[in-house]
Amino acid sequence: MIPLGLTRLGLTRLRGAAISAAMAALPVRLALLLALLLPATAALARDRFFVTSDGVRLHYTENGPARPARTLVFIPGWLMPGWIFARQIAAFDRRDRVIVLDPRGQGASAIPRAGYTAARRGADIGELLARLGPRRVVLIAWSLGVLDALAYIYAVGDARLAGLVLIDNSVGEPPPPVFHPPTGPAPPHAVAVAAFVRGIFHTPQPAPFLRRLTAACLRVPAPAARALRAYAEPRDFWRQAVESVRGPVLYIVRPWLAAQAANLRAARPGTEVALFPHAGHALFIDDTPRFDRILADFLRRRVRR
């Protein structure tokens, strides 16, 4: 998988999960050479920037045809760069406009001293959507991005949403997830982040890919990383936000959240749930074909063009 930032060199992005997986195992220079030799069948990713109302320059990529069927907006998780969704961009940008945000402090976005709160990051999403124009979007959020997306919905409602996809994080429904914090002294930040990156995959990933992803995550300063893991909102905050959504919702989780998913479906009839029992936290990479198939089916059946 090639980081989307490489498209700034004018390279055509690669398509398909099989190609992405193979490319991830290659050194960057060899990957670039191979990309130059592949047929130019995909549209180029376009790097975009905007400045938030508190003066922070955020990066996002825009992909897709001139007349897309839908607009999909992807929000990555804790510390992660937007290019973590490279396989989904390759799968969906033939027909859809695909937007991938680098949240503040992450990816190619600026690293401010402040703003690492749910309210501010939710506002960042709202300001991105305002920049994209009046068309409604499908918001697709993973991990910490789930909370950022719900903070946006709690603040301004769901009028801009044609659909909502939440991936593998708690949404405030009972029962609360159980965590077992490690004992003993905390490891250095770089060691902890490297272990976190390795741990989000059930399927072993190529070492070059893990190194690139770890380096991207370590771009976020340790104080900001800690702040992002300390959102102060109560659980009811997230539950009220997700239950307020009137449009279609898809909740994609591993078994640790299966009971929450069942309760969300009971509290909010019409919610669709997909369980991934044999994947890690980054389930859209661990089982790309199934994830993309479920998402495509949800979009086809539930999201109006």
C-alpha atoms as a PDB file:
ATOM      1  CA  MET A   1       0.000   0.000   0.000  1.00  0.00           C
ATOM      2  CA  ILE A   2       1.499   3.333  -1.056  1.00  0.00           C
ATOM      3  CA  PRO A   3       0.847   6.371   1.148  1.00  0.00           C
ATOM      4  CA  LEU A   4      -1.415   8.754  -0.695  1.00  0.00           C
ATOM      5  CA  GLY A   5       1.080  11.544  -0.192  1.00  0.00           C
ATOM      6  CA  LEU A   6       3.159   9.998  -2.955  1.00  0.00           C
ATOM      7  CA  THR A   7       0.565  11.132  -5.467  1.00  0.00           C
ATOM      8  CA  ARG A   8       2.043  14.605  -5.157  1.00  0.00           C
ATOM      9  CA  LEU A   9       4.749  13.343  -7.498  1.00  0.00           C
ATOM     10  CA  GLY A  10       2.090  12.932 -10.170  1.00  0.00           C
ATOM     11  CA  LEU A  11       1.871   9.167  -9.900  1.00  0.00           C
ATOM     12  CA  THR A  12      -1.320   7.338 -10.704  1.00  0.00           C
ATOM     13  CA  ARG A  13      -2.697   5.582  -7.644  1.00  0.00           C
ATOM     14  CA  LEU A  14      -2.913   1.827  -7.597  1.00  0.00           C
ATOM     15  CA  ARG A  15      -6.183  -0.081  -7.506  1.00  0.00           C
ATOM     16  CA  GLY A  16      -7.367  -3.202  -5.778  1.00  0.00           C
ATOM     17  CA  ALA A  17      -6.591  -4.852  -2.492  1.00  0.00           C
ATOM     18  CA  ALA A  18      -4.231  -7.400  -4.044  1.00  0.00           C
ATOM     19  CA  ILE A  19      -2.084  -4.737  -5.679  1.00  0.00           C
ATOM     20  CA  SER A  20      -2.135  -2.620  -2.516  1.00  0.00           C
ATOM     21  CA  ALA A  21      -1.006  -5.524  -0.371  1.00  0.00           C
ATOM     22  CA  ALA A  22       1.802  -6.402  -2.737  1.00  0.00           C
ATOM     23  CA  MET A  23       2.997  -2.810  -2.932  1.00  0.00           C
ATOM     24  CA  ALA A  24       3.117  -2.543   0.849  1.00  0.00           C
ATOM     25  CA  ALA A  25       5.902  -5.110   0.943  1.00  0.00           C
ATOM     26  CA  LEU A  26       8.128  -3.194  -1.475  1.00  0.00           C
ATOM     27  CA  PRO A  27      10.727  -0.551  -0.675  1.00  0.00           C
ATOM     28  CA  VAL A  28       9.443   2.905  -1.505  1.00  0.00           C
ATOM     29  CA  ARG A  29      11.758   3.492  -4.489  1.00  0.00           C
ATOM     30  CA  LEU A  30      10.852   0.169  -6.068  1.00  0.00           C
ATOM     31  CA  ALA A  31       7.177   0.842  -5.436  1.00  0.00           C
ATOM     32  CA  LEU A  32       7.451   4.174  -7.206  1.00  0.00           C
ATOM     33  CA  LEU A  33       9.155   2.576 -10.208  1.00  0.00           C
ATOM     34  CA  LEU A  34       6.481  -0.115 -10.442  1.00  0.00           C
ATOM     35  CA  ALA A  35       3.743   2.499 -10.199  1.00  0.00           C
ATOM     36  CA  LEU A  36       5.213   4.290 -13.208  1.00  0.00           C
ATOM     37  CA  LEU A  37       4.988   1.093 -15.241  1.00  0.00           C
ATOM     38  CA  LEU A  38       1.350   0.340 -14.405  1.00  0.00           C
ATOM     39  CA  PRO A  39      -1.518   1.442 -16.689  1.00  0.00           C
ATOM     40  CA  ALA A  40      -2.826   4.905 -15.891  1.00  0.00           C
ATOM     41  CA  THR A  41      -6.441   3.885 -15.289  1.00  0.00           C
ATOM     42  CA  ALA A  42      -7.161   5.794 -12.096  1.00  0.00           C
ATOM     43  CA  ALA A  43      -7.807   9.447 -11.467  1.00  0.00           C
ATOM     44  CA  LEU A  44      -5.076  11.303  -9.618  1.00  0.00           C
ATOM     45  CA  ALA A  45      -5.591  12.064  -5.970  1.00  0.00           C
ATOM     46  CA  ARG A  46      -5.801  15.788  -5.345  1.00  0.00           C
ATOM     47  CA  ASP A  47      -4.252  17.263  -2.217  1.00  0.00           C
ATOM     48  CA  ARG A  48      -6.346  19.984  -0.617  1.00  0.00           C
ATOM     49  CA  PHE A  49      -5.934  22.257   2.391  1.00  0.00           C
ATOM     50  CA  PHE A  50      -8.196  24.559   4.351  1.00  0.00           C
ATOM     51  CA  VAL A  51      -7.782  26.740   7.422  1.00  0.00           C
ATOM     52  CA  THR A  52     -10.104  26.159  10.364  1.00  0.00           C
ATOM     53  CA  SER A  53     -11.860  28.886  12.303  1.00  0.00           C
ATOM     54  CA  ASP A  54      -9.126  28.692  14.953  1.00  0.00           C
ATOM     55  CA  GLY A  55      -6.386  29.109  12.358  1.00  0.00           C
ATOM     56  CA  VAL A  56      -5.143  25.535  11.813  1.00  0.00           C
ATOM     57  CA  ARG A  57      -4.233  24.347   8.315  1.00  0.00           C
ATOM     58  CA  LEU A  58      -5.759  20.912   7.696  1.00  0.00           C
ATOM     59  CA  HIS A  59      -5.036  18.550   4.831  1.00  0.00           C
ATOM     60  CA  TYR A  60      -7.403  16.273   2.980  1.00  0.00           C
ATOM     61  CA  THR A  61      -7.346  14.373  -0.296  1.00  0.00           C
ATOM     62  CA  GLU A  62     -10.064  14.447  -2.895  1.00  0.00           C
ATOM     63  CA  ASN A  63     -10.517  11.578  -5.311  1.00  0.00           C
ATOM     64  CA  GLY A  64     -13.123  10.471  -7.794  1.00  0.00           C
ATOM     65  CA  PRO A  65     -14.816  11.263 -11.105  1.00  0.00           C
ATOM     66  CA  ALA A  66     -16.144  14.594 -12.291  1.00  0.00           C
ATOM     67  CA  ARG A  67     -19.756  13.472 -11.774  1.00  0.00           C
ATOM     68  CA  PRO A  68     -19.728  11.183  -8.719  1.00  0.00           C
ATOM     69  CA  ALA A  69     -22.625   9.080  -7.492  1.00  0.00           C
ATOM     70  CA  ARG A  70     -22.050  10.035  -3.843  1.00  0.00           C
ATOM     71  CA  THR A  71     -19.592  11.870  -1.598  1.00  0.00           C
ATOM     72  CA  LEU A  72     -17.828   9.699   0.991  1.00  0.00           C
ATOM     73  CA  VAL A  73     -15.832  11.360   3.786  1.00  0.00           C
ATOM     74  CA  PHE A  74     -13.382   9.160   5.726  1.00  0.00           C
ATOM     75  CA  ILE A  75     -12.101  10.107   9.208  1.00  0.00           C
ATOM     76  CA  PRO A  76      -9.146   8.059  10.550  1.00  0.00           C
ATOM     77  CA  GLY A  77      -8.411   7.041  14.109  1.00  0.00           C
ATOM     78  CA  TRP A  78      -5.987   7.987  16.873  1.00  0.00           C
ATOM     79  CA  LEU A  79      -2.702   9.349  15.442  1.00  0.00           C
ATOM     80  CA  MET A  80      -3.400   7.787  12.040  1.00  0.00           C
ATOM     81  CA  PRO A  81      -2.803   9.448   8.649  1.00  0.00           C
ATOM     82  CA  GLY A  82      -5.640   9.499   6.155  1.00  0.00           C
ATOM     83  CA  TRP A  83      -3.747   7.262   3.755  1.00  0.00           C
ATOM     84  CA  ILE A  84      -4.570   4.333   6.045  1.00  0.00           C
ATOM     85  CA  PHE A  85      -7.742   4.173   3.879  1.00  0.00           C
ATOM     86  CA  ALA A  86      -5.804   3.764   0.604  1.00  0.00           C
ATOM     87  CA  ARG A  87      -7.519   0.499  -0.266  1.00  0.00           C
ATOM     88  CA  GLN A  88     -10.967   1.983   0.233  1.00  0.00           C
ATOM     89  CA  ILE A  89     -10.104   4.967  -1.935  1.00  0.00           C
ATOM     90  CA  ALA A  90      -9.006   2.599  -4.681  1.00  0.00           C
ATOM     91  CA  ALA A  91     -12.209   0.586  -4.297  1.00  0.00           C
ATOM     92  CA  PHE A  92     -14.711   3.459  -4.293  1.00  0.00           C
ATOM     93  CA  ASP A  93     -13.345   6.407  -6.234  1.00  0.00           C
ATOM     94  CA  ARG A  94     -14.328   5.110  -9.652  1.00  0.00           C
ATOM     95  CA  ARG A  95     -17.927   6.141  -8.979  1.00  0.00           C
ATOM     96  CA  ASP A  96     -17.850   8.202  -5.783  1.00  0.00           C
ATOM     97  CA  ARG A  97     -16.169  11.381  -4.660  1.00  0.00           C
ATOM     98  CA  VAL A  98     -13.886  10.169  -1.863  1.00  0.00           C
ATOM     99  CA  ILE A  99     -12.612  12.666   0.696  1.00  0.00           C
ATOM    100  CA  VAL A 100     -10.077  11.613   3.340  1.00  0.00           C
ATOM    101  CA  LEU A 101      -9.280  14.002   6.186  1.00  0.00           C
ATOM    102  CA  ASP A 102      -6.032  14.235   8.111  1.00  0.00           C
ATOM    103  CA  PRO A 103      -7.306  15.459  11.498  1.00  0.00           C
ATOM    104  CA  ARG A 104      -5.359  18.204  13.225  1.00  0.00           C
ATOM    105  CA  GLY A 105      -1.927  17.006  14.259  1.00  0.00           C
ATOM    106  CA  GLN A 106      -2.131  13.949  11.990  1.00  0.00           C
ATOM    107  CA  GLY A 107      -0.966  13.074   8.495  1.00  0.00           C
ATOM    108  CA  ALA A 108      -0.063  16.183   6.514  1.00  0.00           C
ATOM    109  CA  SER A 109      -2.143  18.560   8.651  1.00  0.00           C
ATOM    110  CA  ALA A 110      -0.604  21.205  10.885  1.00  0.00           C
ATOM    111  CA  ILE A 111       0.333  20.358  14.471  1.00  0.00           C
ATOM    112  CA  PRO A 112      -1.206  23.039  16.686  1.00  0.00           C
ATOM    113  CA  ARG A 113      -0.645  23.345  20.393  1.00  0.00           C
ATOM    114  CA  ALA A 114      -4.357  23.168  21.175  1.00  0.00           C
ATOM    115  CA  GLY A 115      -7.634  21.817  19.904  1.00  0.00           C
ATOM    116  CA  TYR A 116      -7.218  18.133  20.752  1.00  0.00           C
ATOM    117  CA  THR A 117     -10.739  17.858  22.122  1.00  0.00           C
ATOM    118  CA  ALA A 118     -13.871  16.188  20.830  1.00  0.00           C
ATOM    119  CA  ALA A 119     -15.656  19.521  20.407  1.00  0.00           C
ATOM    120  CA  ARG A 120     -12.863  21.107  18.365  1.00  0.00           C
ATOM    121  CA  ARG A 121     -12.229  18.050  16.224  1.00  0.00           C
ATOM    122  CA  GLY A 122     -15.961  17.754  15.616  1.00  0.00           C
ATOM    123  CA  ALA A 123     -15.953  21.393  14.520  1.00  0.00           C
ATOM    124  CA  ASP A 124     -13.076  20.610  12.142  1.00  0.00           C
ATOM    125  CA  ILE A 125     -15.263  17.993  10.457  1.00  0.00           C
ATOM    126  CA  GLY A 126     -18.101  20.481  10.151  1.00  0.00           C
ATOM    127  CA  GLU A 127     -15.836  23.068   8.564  1.00  0.00           C
ATOM    128  CA  LEU A 128     -14.539  20.469   6.106  1.00  0.00           C
ATOM    129  CA  LEU A 129     -18.093  19.560   5.097  1.00  0.00           C
ATOM    130  CA  ALA A 130     -18.920  23.245   4.614  1.00  0.00           C
ATOM    131  CA  ARG A 131     -15.943  23.523   2.271  1.00  0.00           C
ATOM    132  CA  LEU A 132     -17.124  20.547   0.228  1.00  0.00           C
ATOM    133  CA  GLY A 133     -20.334  22.272  -0.794  1.00  0.00           C
ATOM    134  CA  PRO A 134     -24.027  21.730  -0.050  1.00  0.00           C
ATOM    135  CA  ARG A 135     -24.308  18.117  -1.143  1.00  0.00           C
ATOM    136  CA  ARG A 136     -24.964  15.626   1.649  1.00  0.00           C
ATOM    137  CA  VAL A 137     -22.190  13.170   2.461  1.00  0.00           C
ATOM    138  CA  VAL A 138     -21.682   9.680   3.860  1.00  0.00           C
ATOM    139  CA  LEU A 139     -19.469  10.095   6.923  1.00  0.00           C
ATOM    140  CA  ILE A 140     -17.248   7.052   7.510  1.00  0.00           C
ATOM    141  CA  ALA A 141     -15.293   7.172  10.782  1.00  0.00           C
ATOM    142  CA  TRP A 142     -12.953   4.723  12.456  1.00  0.00           C
ATOM    143  CA  SER A 143     -11.734   4.395  16.049  1.00  0.00           C
ATOM    144  CA  LEU A 144     -11.218   7.852  17.614  1.00  0.00           C
ATOM    145  CA  GLY A 145     -12.736   9.258  14.424  1.00  0.00           C
ATOM    146  CA  VAL A 146     -16.049   7.736  15.579  1.00  0.00           C
ATOM    147  CA  LEU A 147     -16.041  10.056  18.591  1.00  0.00           C
ATOM    148  CA  ASP A 148     -15.021  13.052  16.481  1.00  0.00           C
ATOM    149  CA  ALA A 149     -17.881  12.334  14.082  1.00  0.00           C
ATOM    150  CA  LEU A 150     -20.379  11.948  16.927  1.00  0.00           C
ATOM    151  CA  ALA A 151     -19.147  15.205  18.492  1.00  0.00           C
ATOM    152  CA  TYR A 152     -19.883  16.927  15.180  1.00  0.00           C
ATOM    153  CA  ILE A 153     -23.392  15.407  15.087  1.00  0.00           C
ATOM    154  CA  TYR A 154     -24.085  16.313  18.722  1.00  0.00           C
ATOM    155  CA  ALA A 155     -23.166  19.951  18.032  1.00  0.00           C
ATOM    156  CA  VAL A 156     -24.968  20.599  14.741  1.00  0.00           C
ATOM    157  CA  GLY A 157     -27.183  17.619  13.939  1.00  0.00           C
ATOM    158  CA  ASP A 158     -27.308  15.300  10.949  1.00  0.00           C
ATOM    159  CA  ALA A 159     -28.651  17.574   8.200  1.00  0.00           C
ATOM    160  CA  ARG A 160     -25.492  17.179   6.115  1.00  0.00           C
ATOM    161  CA  LEU A 161     -25.449  13.380   6.366  1.00  0.00           C
ATOM    162  CA  ALA A 162     -26.752  10.992   3.719  1.00  0.00           C
ATOM    163  CA  GLY A 163     -25.443   8.124   5.829  1.00  0.00           C
ATOM    164  CA  LEU A 164     -23.159   7.306   8.749  1.00  0.00           C
ATOM    165  CA  VAL A 165     -20.668   4.433   9.054  1.00  0.00           C
ATOM    166  CA  LEU A 166     -18.959   3.907  12.418  1.00  0.00           C
ATOM    167  CA  ILE A 167     -16.051   1.476  12.672  1.00  0.00           C
ATOM    168  CA  ASP A 168     -14.925  -0.324  15.841  1.00  0.00           C
ATOM    169  CA  ASN A 169     -15.369   2.109  18.677  1.00  0.00           C
ATOM    170  CA  SER A 170     -17.850   2.464  21.511  1.00  0.00           C
ATOM    171  CA  VAL A 171     -20.864   4.682  20.841  1.00  0.00           C
ATOM    172  CA  GLY A 172     -22.000   4.993  24.460  1.00  0.00           C
ATOM    173  CA  GLU A 173     -24.554   2.193  24.428  1.00  0.00           C
ATOM    174  CA  PRO A 174     -24.445  -0.316  27.292  1.00  0.00           C
ATOM    175  CA  PRO A 175     -22.523  -2.265  28.297  1.00  0.00           C
ATOM    176  CA  PRO A 176     -19.362  -0.162  28.554  1.00  0.00           C
ATOM    177  CA  PRO A 177     -16.296  -1.852  27.093  1.00  0.00           C
ATOM    178  CA  VAL A 178     -13.869  -3.391  29.561  1.00  0.00           C
ATOM    179  CA  PHE A 179     -10.240  -2.314  29.371  1.00  0.00           C
ATOM    180  CA  HIS A 180      -7.267  -3.849  31.136  1.00  0.00           C
ATOM    181  CA  PRO A 181      -4.599  -1.149  31.438  1.00  0.00           C
ATOM    182  CA  PRO A 182      -1.026  -2.411  31.592  1.00  0.00           C
ATOM    183  CA  THR A 183       0.728  -2.488  34.940  1.00  0.00           C
ATOM    184  CA  GLY A 184       4.187  -1.216  35.696  1.00  0.00           C
ATOM    185  CA  PRO A 185       5.973   1.864  34.374  1.00  0.00           C
ATOM    186  CA  ALA A 186       4.729   3.311  31.101  1.00  0.00           C
ATOM    187  CA  PRO A 187       7.042   2.694  28.143  1.00  0.00           C
ATOM    188  CA  PRO A 188       8.506   5.616  26.186  1.00  0.00           C
ATOM    189  CA  HIS A 189       6.026   7.225  23.802  1.00  0.00           C
ATOM    190  CA  ALA A 190       7.766   5.923  20.673  1.00  0.00           C
ATOM    191  CA  VAL A 191       7.779   2.361  22.027  1.00  0.00           C
ATOM    192  CA  ALA A 192       4.095   2.555  22.979  1.00  0.00           C
ATOM    193  CA  VAL A 193       3.067   3.911  19.577  1.00  0.00           C
ATOM    194  CA  ALA A 194       5.034   1.248  17.711  1.00  0.00           C
ATOM    195  CA  ALA A 195       3.343  -1.451  19.801  1.00  0.00           C
ATOM    196  CA  PHE A 196      -0.060   0.126  19.193  1.00  0.00           C
ATOM    197  CA  VAL A 197       0.478   0.145  15.425  1.00  0.00           C
ATOM    198  CA  ARG A 198       1.477  -3.528  15.409  1.00  0.00           C
ATOM    199  CA  GLY A 199      -1.455  -4.390  17.634  1.00  0.00           C
ATOM    200  CA  ILE A 200      -4.234  -3.013  15.428  1.00  0.00           C
ATOM    201  CA  PHE A 201      -3.767  -5.813  12.909  1.00  0.00           C
ATOM    202  CA  HIS A 202      -4.785  -9.448  13.242  1.00  0.00           C
ATOM    203  CA  THR A 203      -2.986 -10.341  10.031  1.00  0.00           C
ATOM    204  CA  PRO A 204       0.783  -9.659  10.153  1.00  0.00           C
ATOM    205  CA  GLN A 205       1.641  -6.686   7.974  1.00  0.00           C
ATOM    206  CA  PRO A 206       4.855  -6.128   5.978  1.00  0.00           C
ATOM    207  CA  ALA A 207       7.622  -4.478   7.976  1.00  0.00           C
ATOM    208  CA  PRO A 208       8.087  -1.528   5.561  1.00  0.00           C
ATOM    209  CA  PHE A 209       4.399  -0.681   5.830  1.00  0.00           C
ATOM    210  CA  LEU A 210       4.482  -0.859   9.642  1.00  0.00           C
ATOM    211  CA  ARG A 211       7.554   1.386   9.741  1.00  0.00           C
ATOM    212  CA  ARG A 212       5.905   3.995   7.504  1.00  0.00           C
ATOM    213  CA  LEU A 213       2.694   3.910   9.504  1.00  0.00           C
ATOM    214  CA  THR A 214       4.527   4.132  12.837  1.00  0.00           C
ATOM    215  CA  ALA A 215       6.568   7.092  11.592  1.00  0.00           C
ATOM    216  CA  ALA A 216       3.374   8.851  10.524  1.00  0.00           C
ATOM    217  CA  CYS A 217       1.766   8.249  13.931  1.00  0.00           C
ATOM    218  CA  LEU A 218       4.852   9.497  15.773  1.00  0.00           C
ATOM    219  CA  ARG A 219       4.468  12.832  14.025  1.00  0.00           C
ATOM    220  CA  VAL A 220       1.790  13.608  16.634  1.00  0.00           C
ATOM    221  CA  PRO A 221       3.533  14.984  19.764  1.00  0.00           C
ATOM    222  CA  ALA A 222       3.154  12.934  22.933  1.00  0.00           C
ATOM    223  CA  PRO A 223       1.121  15.615  24.813  1.00  0.00           C
ATOM    224  CA  ALA A 224      -1.355  15.828  21.928  1.00  0.00           C
ATOM    225  CA  ALA A 225      -1.555  12.030  21.737  1.00  0.00           C
ATOM    226  CA  ARG A 226      -2.403  11.883  25.443  1.00  0.00           C
ATOM    227  CA  ALA A 227      -5.016  14.615  25.106  1.00  0.00           C
ATOM    228  CA  LEU A 228      -6.722  12.716  22.294  1.00  0.00           C
ATOM    229  CA  ARG A 229      -7.141   9.720  24.579  1.00  0.00           C
ATOM    230  CA  ALA A 230      -8.680  11.784  27.368  1.00  0.00           C
ATOM    231  CA  TYR A 231     -11.963  13.086  25.963  1.00  0.00           C
ATOM    232  CA  ALA A 232     -14.062  14.156  28.949  1.00  0.00           C
ATOM    233  CA  GLU A 233     -17.581  13.637  27.552  1.00  0.00           C
ATOM    234  CA  PRO A 234     -19.794  11.136  29.410  1.00  0.00           C
ATOM    235  CA  ARG A 235     -21.004   8.006  27.678  1.00  0.00           C
ATOM    236  CA  ASP A 236     -24.514   9.423  27.259  1.00  0.00           C
ATOM    237  CA  PHE A 237     -23.047  12.156  25.062  1.00  0.00           C
ATOM    238  CA  TRP A 238     -22.041   9.653  22.385  1.00  0.00           C
ATOM    239  CA  ARG A 239     -25.226   7.590  22.755  1.00  0.00           C
ATOM    240  CA  GLN A 240     -27.467  10.620  22.311  1.00  0.00           C
ATOM    241  CA  ALA A 241     -25.516  11.688  19.240  1.00  0.00           C
ATOM    242  CA  VAL A 242     -25.744   8.380  17.395  1.00  0.00           C
ATOM    243  CA  GLU A 243     -29.372   7.794  18.341  1.00  0.00           C
ATOM    244  CA  SER A 244     -30.279  11.238  16.967  1.00  0.00           C
ATOM    245  CA  VAL A 245     -29.218  10.354  13.434  1.00  0.00           C
ATOM    246  CA  ARG A 246     -32.264  10.016  11.190  1.00  0.00           C
ATOM    247  CA  GLY A 247     -30.566   8.572   8.131  1.00  0.00           C
ATOM    248  CA  PRO A 248     -29.042   5.121   7.579  1.00  0.00           C
ATOM    249  CA  VAL A 249     -26.367   3.967  10.029  1.00  0.00           C
ATOM    250  CA  LEU A 250     -23.936   1.074   9.651  1.00  0.00           C
ATOM    251  CA  TYR A 251     -21.974  -0.052  12.734  1.00  0.00           C
ATOM    252  CA  ILE A 252     -18.982  -2.280  11.891  1.00  0.00           C
ATOM    253  CA  VAL A 253     -17.293  -3.810  14.933  1.00  0.00           C
ATOM    254  CA  ARG A 254     -15.382  -6.716  16.387  1.00  0.00           C
ATOM    255  CA  PRO A 255     -16.959  -8.995  19.021  1.00  0.00           C
ATOM    256  CA  TRP A 256     -15.808  -6.779  21.919  1.00  0.00           C
ATOM    257  CA  LEU A 257     -18.594  -4.377  20.892  1.00  0.00           C
ATOM    258  CA  ALA A 258     -21.216  -6.937  19.861  1.00  0.00           C
ATOM    259  CA  ALA A 259     -23.441  -6.238  22.906  1.00  0.00           C
ATOM    260  CA  GLN A 260     -23.267  -2.492  22.266  1.00  0.00           C
ATOM    261  CA  ALA A 261     -24.197  -3.131  18.638  1.00  0.00           C
ATOM    262  CA  ALA A 262     -27.235  -5.164  19.671  1.00  0.00           C
ATOM    263  CA  ASN A 263     -28.378  -2.440  22.054  1.00  0.00           C
ATOM    264  CA  LEU A 264     -27.864   0.262  19.440  1.00  0.00           C
ATOM    265  CA  ARG A 265     -29.978  -1.695  16.995  1.00  0.00           C
ATOM    266  CA  ALA A 266     -32.713  -2.048  19.643  1.00  0.00           C
ATOM    267  CA  ALA A 267     -32.587   1.630  20.618  1.00  0.00           C
ATOM    268  CA  ARG A 268     -32.367   2.824  17.042  1.00  0.00           C
ATOM    269  CA  PRO A 269     -34.333   0.501  14.731  1.00  0.00           C
ATOM    270  CA  GLY A 270     -32.926   0.267  11.233  1.00  0.00           C
ATOM    271  CA  THR A 271     -29.301   0.366  12.335  1.00  0.00           C
ATOM    272  CA  GLU A 272     -27.260  -2.183  10.404  1.00  0.00           C
ATOM    273  CA  VAL A 273     -24.487  -4.122  12.143  1.00  0.00           C
ATOM    274  CA  ALA A 274     -21.577  -6.116  10.741  1.00  0.00           C
ATOM    275  CA  LEU A 275     -19.332  -8.206  13.009  1.00  0.00           C
ATOM    276  CA  PHE A 276     -15.711  -9.003  12.155  1.00  0.00           C
ATOM    277  CA  PRO A 277     -14.678 -11.825  14.530  1.00  0.00           C
ATOM    278  CA  HIS A 278     -11.394 -12.609  12.773  1.00  0.00           C
ATOM    279  CA  ALA A 279      -9.931  -9.146  12.278  1.00  0.00           C
ATOM    280  CA  GLY A 280      -7.987  -6.611  14.295  1.00  0.00           C
ATOM    281  CA  HIS A 281      -8.920  -3.032  15.038  1.00  0.00           C
ATOM    282  CA  ALA A 282      -7.908  -2.006  11.505  1.00  0.00           C
ATOM    283  CA  LEU A 283     -10.475  -4.440  10.127  1.00  0.00           C
ATOM    284  CA  PHE A 284     -10.747  -2.621   6.793  1.00  0.00           C
ATOM    285  CA  ILE A 285      -7.141  -3.705   6.151  1.00  0.00           C
ATOM    286  CA  ASP A 286      -7.276  -7.124   7.819  1.00  0.00           C
ATOM    287  CA  ASP A 287     -10.305  -8.128   5.752  1.00  0.00           C
ATOM    288  CA  THR A 288     -10.455  -5.590   2.930  1.00  0.00           C
ATOM    289  CA  PRO A 289     -12.647  -7.629   0.543  1.00  0.00           C
ATOM    290  CA  ARG A 290     -15.395  -8.213   3.110  1.00  0.00           C
ATOM    291  CA  PHE A 291     -15.274  -4.675   4.471  1.00  0.00           C
ATOM    292  CA  ASP A 292     -15.491  -3.127   1.001  1.00  0.00           C
ATOM    293  CA  ARG A 293     -18.294  -5.498   0.015  1.00  0.00           C
ATOM    294  CA  ILE A 294     -20.346  -4.625   3.113  1.00  0.00           C
ATOM    295  CA  LEU A 295     -19.802  -0.912   2.631  1.00  0.00           C
ATOM    296  CA  ALA A 296     -20.657  -1.057  -1.078  1.00  0.00           C
ATOM    297  CA  ASP A 297     -23.849  -2.996  -0.349  1.00  0.00           C
ATOM    298  CA  PHE A 298     -24.887  -0.505   2.349  1.00  0.00           C
ATOM    299  CA  LEU A 299     -24.310   2.413  -0.007  1.00  0.00           C
ATOM    300  CA  ARG A 300     -26.239   0.731  -2.822  1.00  0.00           C
ATOM    301  CA  ARG A 301     -29.269  -0.164  -0.693  1.00  0.00           C
ATOM    302  CA  ARG A 302     -29.499   2.640   1.849  1.00  0.00           C
ATOM    303  CA  VAL A 303     -27.885   5.812   0.497  1.00  0.00           C
ATOM    304  CA  ARG A 304     -29.780   7.819  -2.090  1.00  0.00           C
ATOM    305  CA  ARG A 305     -27.663   9.119  -4.945  1.00  0.00           C
END
